[in-house]
Amino acid sequence: MKKKILTLGLVLAMAVSMTACGTKTETAASAEASAPAESTLSGTINVFAAASMTESLDKVIAEFEKENPNVDVVATYDSSGTLKTQIASGADCDVFISAAQKQMNAIDEEKGGDAYEGTNFVMPGTRTDILENKCVLITSPASDKKITDWDSFQSAITSAKSSSDLIFAMGNADVPVGKYTSAILKSLNLNEEDMVKAGIVTYGSNVKEVLTTVQEGTADCGIVYETDAFSAGVTPVATADTELTGGPCIYPAAVMANTKNEEAAKAFLEYIQGEKAMKEFTAVGFKEVAAK
């Protein structure tokens, strides 16, 4: 009787062992199948991007490099106008993200039209609109001008006769935010040339410079992008709609035709349009441009 019981116990033990072994094997196989494929991308890609993307794009790049450990992304941030000029002058750039269509058009033979300036630097079929931003009015904590909306801004500018009355900061002509600001001033029936003659305008070479000028109190107020204000912890007093700016503030991106790492460049362009990247962009105020 004891032998029968012992034999039965051994059979049960072996059955349990085989079941457990099968479960472990299946689990391991399942885990292996669900694991992400190891990236085959390698090398360096140079990304030129509008200064207003600095904080959010840095985070996106960190995630991209984490998922592609053999790729080194070198980011250069500045005004889109400056970056466009550098690209046209032969700077190594694999992916360009502009804060406006104008700067991309200038180097894109296919879509540049009258704005096209010469050699085609944009790889055909890669250009796409990825993000939308907004322009906002910010004021310095040190200012006593009581500017709280577009109406009070308009009144303050109209009343100012010299820099002792008020100083307004804006991007210069080749900076997208400067172009949008000029459109806002025109929409508000404010003459930029008269403002310059009165000495109440100070220009910045990019949006970060405009932001810093207002934050430090050198200017009473200024117009920057919503995303830059958010990243700097600055609360805007007014937001410009597309009617004020003369259209939406769209960010196009493209792989450059002379890229030395086409595979990685295209992969990065695709990545910045993905869900993970968009979470970082929308977290600071960007809006995703719907796919066409």
Protein backbone atom coordinates (compact mmCIF):
# COMPACT_ATOMS: atom_id res chain seq x y z
CA MET A 1 0.00 0.00 0.00
CA LYS A 2 2.80 2.31 0.88
CA LYS A 3 4.54 1.58 -2.42
CA LYS A 4 1.40 2.48 -4.35
CA ILE A 5 1.06 5.75 -2.48
CA LEU A 6 4.73 6.57 -3.05
CA THR A 7 4.44 5.80 -6.75
CA LEU A 8 1.35 7.93 -7.07
CA GLY A 9 3.15 10.81 -5.32
CA LEU A 10 6.07 10.61 -7.73
CA VAL A 11 3.73 10.71 -10.73
CA LEU A 12 1.97 13.79 -9.38
CA ALA A 13 5.26 15.51 -8.61
CA MET A 14 6.57 14.88 -12.13
CA ALA A 15 3.34 16.18 -13.62
CA VAL A 16 3.54 19.39 -11.59
CA SER A 17 7.20 19.80 -12.54
CA MET A 18 6.48 19.35 -16.24
CA THR A 19 3.57 21.81 -16.06
CA ALA A 20 5.74 24.40 -14.31
CA CYS A 21 8.51 23.88 -16.83
CA GLY A 22 6.08 24.32 -19.69
CA THR A 23 4.67 27.47 -18.11
CA LYS A 24 8.14 28.98 -17.67
CA THR A 25 9.06 28.16 -21.26
CA GLU A 26 5.85 29.69 -22.58
CA THR A 27 6.29 32.77 -20.38
CA ALA A 28 9.88 33.25 -21.55
CA ALA A 29 8.84 32.83 -25.17
CA SER A 30 6.01 35.30 -24.70
CA ALA A 31 8.31 37.87 -23.07
CA GLU A 32 10.86 37.45 -25.84
CA ALA A 33 8.20 37.96 -28.49
CA SER A 34 6.87 41.12 -26.84
CA ALA A 35 10.29 42.69 -26.24
CA PRO A 36 11.06 45.61 -28.59
CA ALA A 37 13.47 44.83 -31.42
CA GLU A 38 16.98 46.08 -30.86
CA SER A 39 17.67 49.23 -32.87
CA THR A 40 20.02 48.85 -35.83
CA LEU A 41 20.48 52.60 -36.24
CA SER A 42 23.87 54.13 -35.56
CA GLY A 43 25.96 57.23 -36.14
CA THR A 44 25.32 60.93 -35.59
CA ILE A 45 22.51 63.17 -36.80
CA ASN A 46 22.54 66.94 -36.59
CA VAL A 47 19.16 68.47 -35.83
CA PHE A 48 18.59 72.18 -36.37
CA ALA A 49 15.47 73.36 -34.54
CA ALA A 50 13.71 76.60 -33.68
CA ALA A 51 14.75 77.99 -30.30
CA SER A 52 11.17 77.71 -29.03
CA MET A 53 11.52 73.91 -29.10
CA THR A 54 14.54 73.73 -26.80
CA GLU A 55 13.01 72.35 -23.60
CA SER A 56 10.56 69.88 -25.15
CA LEU A 57 12.80 68.64 -27.96
CA ASP A 58 15.67 68.01 -25.54
CA LYS A 59 13.42 65.53 -23.71
CA VAL A 60 12.32 63.91 -26.97
CA ILE A 61 15.93 63.54 -28.09
CA ALA A 62 16.85 61.90 -24.78
CA GLU A 63 14.11 59.30 -25.28
CA PHE A 64 15.09 58.71 -28.90
CA GLU A 65 18.72 58.12 -27.91
CA LYS A 66 17.59 55.78 -25.13
CA GLU A 67 15.68 53.67 -27.67
CA ASN A 68 18.51 53.97 -30.19
CA PRO A 69 21.67 53.76 -28.05
CA ASN A 70 24.05 53.83 -31.01
CA VAL A 71 22.70 57.12 -32.36
CA ASP A 72 24.01 60.48 -31.16
CA VAL A 73 21.65 63.42 -31.79
CA VAL A 74 23.37 66.81 -31.83
CA ALA A 75 20.82 69.61 -31.50
CA THR A 76 21.37 73.23 -32.51
CA TYR A 77 18.75 75.77 -31.45
CA ASP A 78 18.40 79.29 -32.80
CA SER A 79 16.02 81.45 -34.78
CA SER A 80 14.70 79.68 -37.86
CA GLY A 81 16.16 82.45 -40.03
CA THR A 82 19.65 81.96 -38.63
CA LEU A 83 19.41 78.17 -38.98
CA LYS A 84 18.16 78.47 -42.57
CA THR A 85 21.14 80.68 -43.44
CA GLN A 86 23.56 78.21 -41.85
CA ILE A 87 22.05 75.32 -43.83
CA ALA A 88 22.25 77.28 -47.07
CA SER A 89 25.88 78.09 -46.26
CA GLY A 90 26.77 74.40 -46.02
CA ALA A 91 26.40 73.58 -42.33
CA ASP A 92 25.98 69.87 -41.54
CA CYS A 93 22.28 69.38 -40.90
CA ASP A 94 20.28 66.17 -41.22
CA VAL A 95 16.88 67.35 -39.94
CA PHE A 96 15.55 70.92 -39.91
CA ILE A 97 12.53 71.99 -37.83
CA SER A 98 11.45 75.56 -38.55
CA ALA A 99 9.04 77.72 -36.58
CA ALA A 100 7.44 78.94 -39.82
CA GLN A 101 6.96 77.93 -43.44
CA LYS A 102 8.94 80.90 -44.79
CA GLN A 103 12.36 79.62 -43.70
CA MET A 104 11.68 76.08 -44.94
CA ASN A 105 10.31 77.43 -48.23
CA ALA A 106 13.53 79.36 -48.78
CA ILE A 107 15.52 76.11 -49.12
CA ASP A 108 12.78 73.87 -50.58
CA GLU A 109 12.62 73.98 -54.38
CA GLU A 110 9.40 71.95 -54.49
CA LYS A 111 7.29 74.22 -52.27
CA GLY A 112 9.31 77.40 -52.02
CA GLY A 113 7.62 79.35 -54.79
CA ASP A 114 8.74 82.98 -54.82
CA ALA A 115 10.43 82.45 -51.45
CA TYR A 116 12.84 79.83 -52.83
CA GLU A 117 16.42 81.09 -52.72
CA GLY A 118 18.48 78.55 -54.69
CA THR A 119 19.88 75.07 -54.07
CA ASN A 120 17.29 72.55 -52.93
CA PHE A 121 18.25 71.35 -49.46
CA VAL A 122 15.03 69.51 -48.61
CA MET A 123 14.84 65.79 -49.38
CA PRO A 124 11.72 65.30 -51.55
CA GLY A 125 8.85 63.54 -49.80
CA THR A 126 10.09 64.17 -46.25
CA ARG A 127 8.68 67.62 -45.49
CA THR A 128 5.74 67.58 -43.09
CA ASP A 129 3.94 69.98 -40.73
CA ILE A 130 4.23 68.66 -37.19
CA LEU A 131 3.30 71.32 -34.62
CA GLU A 132 1.31 74.50 -34.08
CA ASN A 133 2.17 77.22 -31.58
CA LYS A 134 0.55 80.48 -30.49
CA CYS A 135 1.89 83.96 -29.83
CA VAL A 136 1.27 85.50 -26.42
CA LEU A 137 1.75 88.88 -24.81
CA ILE A 138 3.85 88.90 -21.64
CA THR A 139 4.74 91.70 -19.24
CA SER A 140 7.64 92.32 -16.88
CA PRO A 141 6.99 92.02 -13.13
CA ALA A 142 8.92 95.29 -12.82
CA SER A 143 6.61 97.19 -15.18
CA ASP A 144 3.93 99.56 -13.90
CA LYS A 145 2.19 100.05 -17.26
CA LYS A 146 -0.87 98.02 -16.28
CA ILE A 147 -1.02 96.07 -19.52
CA THR A 148 -3.53 93.28 -18.99
CA ASP A 149 -4.91 92.51 -22.45
CA TRP A 150 -4.63 93.51 -26.11
CA ASP A 151 -6.74 96.65 -25.60
CA SER A 152 -4.57 98.00 -22.78
CA PHE A 153 -1.46 97.03 -24.78
CA GLN A 154 -2.74 98.98 -27.77
CA SER A 155 -3.46 102.01 -25.57
CA ALA A 156 -0.05 101.86 -23.89
CA ILE A 157 1.78 101.69 -27.24
CA THR A 158 -0.29 104.52 -28.68
CA SER A 159 0.40 106.72 -25.65
CA ALA A 160 4.15 106.06 -25.51
CA LYS A 161 6.22 108.86 -27.02
CA SER A 162 9.70 107.63 -26.05
CA SER A 163 11.57 104.82 -24.32
CA SER A 164 11.03 106.56 -21.00
CA ASP A 165 7.32 105.86 -21.41
CA LEU A 166 7.52 102.21 -22.48
CA ILE A 167 9.76 99.61 -24.12
CA PHE A 168 8.34 96.78 -26.18
CA ALA A 169 10.37 93.67 -27.11
CA MET A 170 9.83 91.68 -30.29
CA GLY A 171 11.70 89.36 -32.66
CA ASN A 172 13.44 90.92 -35.64
CA ALA A 173 12.30 90.53 -39.25
CA ASP A 174 13.97 87.18 -40.03
CA VAL A 175 12.62 85.51 -36.88
CA PRO A 176 9.21 83.81 -37.25
CA VAL A 177 7.93 85.23 -33.96
CA GLY A 178 8.97 88.67 -35.27
CA LYS A 179 6.92 88.12 -38.42
CA TYR A 180 3.90 87.11 -36.37
CA THR A 181 4.41 90.07 -34.04
CA SER A 182 4.47 92.49 -36.96
CA ALA A 183 1.18 90.99 -38.12
CA ILE A 184 -0.30 91.45 -34.63
CA LEU A 185 0.78 95.11 -34.52
CA LYS A 186 -0.78 95.69 -37.93
CA SER A 187 -4.00 93.98 -36.83
CA LEU A 188 -4.13 96.33 -33.84
CA ASN A 189 -3.58 99.37 -36.09
CA LEU A 190 -0.16 100.01 -34.59
CA ASN A 191 2.59 101.32 -36.87
CA GLU A 192 5.84 99.48 -36.24
CA GLU A 193 7.93 102.10 -38.05
CA ASP A 194 6.52 104.87 -35.88
CA MET A 195 7.21 102.76 -32.78
CA VAL A 196 10.84 102.32 -33.86
CA LYS A 197 11.20 106.06 -34.53
CA ALA A 198 9.87 106.78 -31.05
CA GLY A 199 12.51 104.45 -29.62
CA ILE A 200 10.07 102.17 -27.84
CA VAL A 201 10.99 98.95 -29.69
CA THR A 202 13.87 96.61 -28.90
CA TYR A 203 14.50 93.64 -31.19
CA GLY A 204 15.67 90.15 -30.27
CA SER A 205 17.55 87.74 -32.52
CA ASN A 206 15.36 84.86 -31.38
CA VAL A 207 12.35 84.26 -29.15
CA LYS A 208 14.47 83.33 -26.11
CA GLU A 209 16.18 86.70 -26.27
CA VAL A 210 12.83 88.49 -26.36
CA LEU A 211 11.64 86.46 -23.37
CA THR A 212 14.79 87.23 -21.36
CA THR A 213 14.54 90.96 -22.16
CA VAL A 214 11.06 91.09 -20.64
CA GLN A 215 11.86 88.82 -17.70
CA GLU A 216 14.87 90.92 -16.71
CA GLY A 217 12.82 94.13 -16.88
CA THR A 218 14.72 95.68 -19.78
CA ALA A 219 11.38 95.82 -21.61
CA ASP A 220 7.92 96.41 -20.17
CA CYS A 221 6.28 93.86 -22.41
CA GLY A 222 6.90 91.61 -25.40
CA ILE A 223 5.43 88.95 -27.63
CA VAL A 224 6.76 85.39 -27.50
CA TYR A 225 5.47 81.90 -28.13
CA GLU A 226 3.08 80.28 -25.69
CA THR A 227 5.46 77.35 -25.25
CA ASP A 228 8.37 79.59 -24.23
CA ALA A 229 6.25 81.42 -21.70
CA PHE A 230 5.10 78.09 -20.23
CA SER A 231 8.64 76.65 -20.01
CA ALA A 232 9.85 79.82 -18.29
CA GLY A 233 6.96 79.86 -15.82
CA VAL A 234 5.63 83.15 -17.22
CA THR A 235 1.87 83.74 -17.30
CA PRO A 236 0.76 85.55 -20.49
CA VAL A 237 -1.71 88.43 -20.22
CA ALA A 238 -3.18 87.77 -23.69
CA THR A 239 -3.09 85.15 -26.44
CA ALA A 240 -3.21 85.96 -30.15
CA ASP A 241 -5.69 84.08 -32.31
CA THR A 242 -4.98 83.29 -35.98
CA GLU A 243 -6.80 86.44 -37.04
CA LEU A 244 -4.28 88.58 -35.18
CA THR A 245 -1.24 86.66 -36.42
CA GLY A 246 -2.47 86.41 -40.00
CA GLY A 247 -2.65 82.62 -39.86
CA PRO A 248 -1.56 79.69 -37.68
CA CYS A 249 2.00 79.38 -36.35
CA ILE A 250 2.98 76.09 -38.01
CA TYR A 251 6.27 74.22 -37.54
CA PRO A 252 7.37 72.21 -40.62
CA ALA A 253 10.13 69.58 -40.43
CA ALA A 254 12.15 67.78 -43.10
CA VAL A 255 15.19 65.64 -43.72
CA MET A 256 17.90 67.52 -45.60
CA ALA A 257 18.86 66.25 -49.07
CA ASN A 258 22.57 66.14 -48.24
CA THR A 259 22.17 64.18 -44.99
CA LYS A 260 25.04 61.82 -44.24
CA ASN A 261 22.82 59.50 -42.20
CA GLU A 262 19.54 59.18 -44.11
CA GLU A 263 18.26 56.13 -42.23
CA ALA A 264 18.66 57.65 -38.78
CA ALA A 265 17.44 61.07 -39.95
CA LYS A 266 14.23 59.60 -41.36
CA ALA A 267 13.74 57.53 -38.23
CA PHE A 268 14.09 60.65 -36.08
CA LEU A 269 11.63 62.59 -38.22
CA GLU A 270 9.14 59.77 -37.80
CA TYR A 271 9.82 59.56 -34.07
CA ILE A 272 9.06 63.23 -33.38
CA GLN A 273 5.62 62.69 -34.90
CA GLY A 274 4.89 59.72 -32.66
CA GLU A 275 2.83 59.47 -29.49
CA LYS A 276 5.74 59.66 -27.01
CA ALA A 277 7.18 62.79 -28.61
CA MET A 278 3.79 64.47 -28.91
CA LYS A 279 3.22 64.04 -25.18
CA GLU A 280 6.34 66.11 -24.52
CA PHE A 281 5.41 68.75 -27.09
CA THR A 282 1.79 69.16 -26.01
CA ALA A 283 2.84 69.28 -22.35
CA VAL A 284 4.44 72.70 -22.95
CA GLY A 285 1.64 74.07 -25.12
CA PHE A 286 2.29 72.87 -28.64
CA LYS A 287 -0.64 71.48 -30.61
CA GLU A 288 -0.24 68.50 -32.88
CA VAL A 289 -0.95 69.21 -36.54
CA ALA A 290 -3.42 66.65 -37.83
CA ALA A 291 -2.07 64.36 -40.53
CA LYS A 292 -3.27 65.26 -44.02
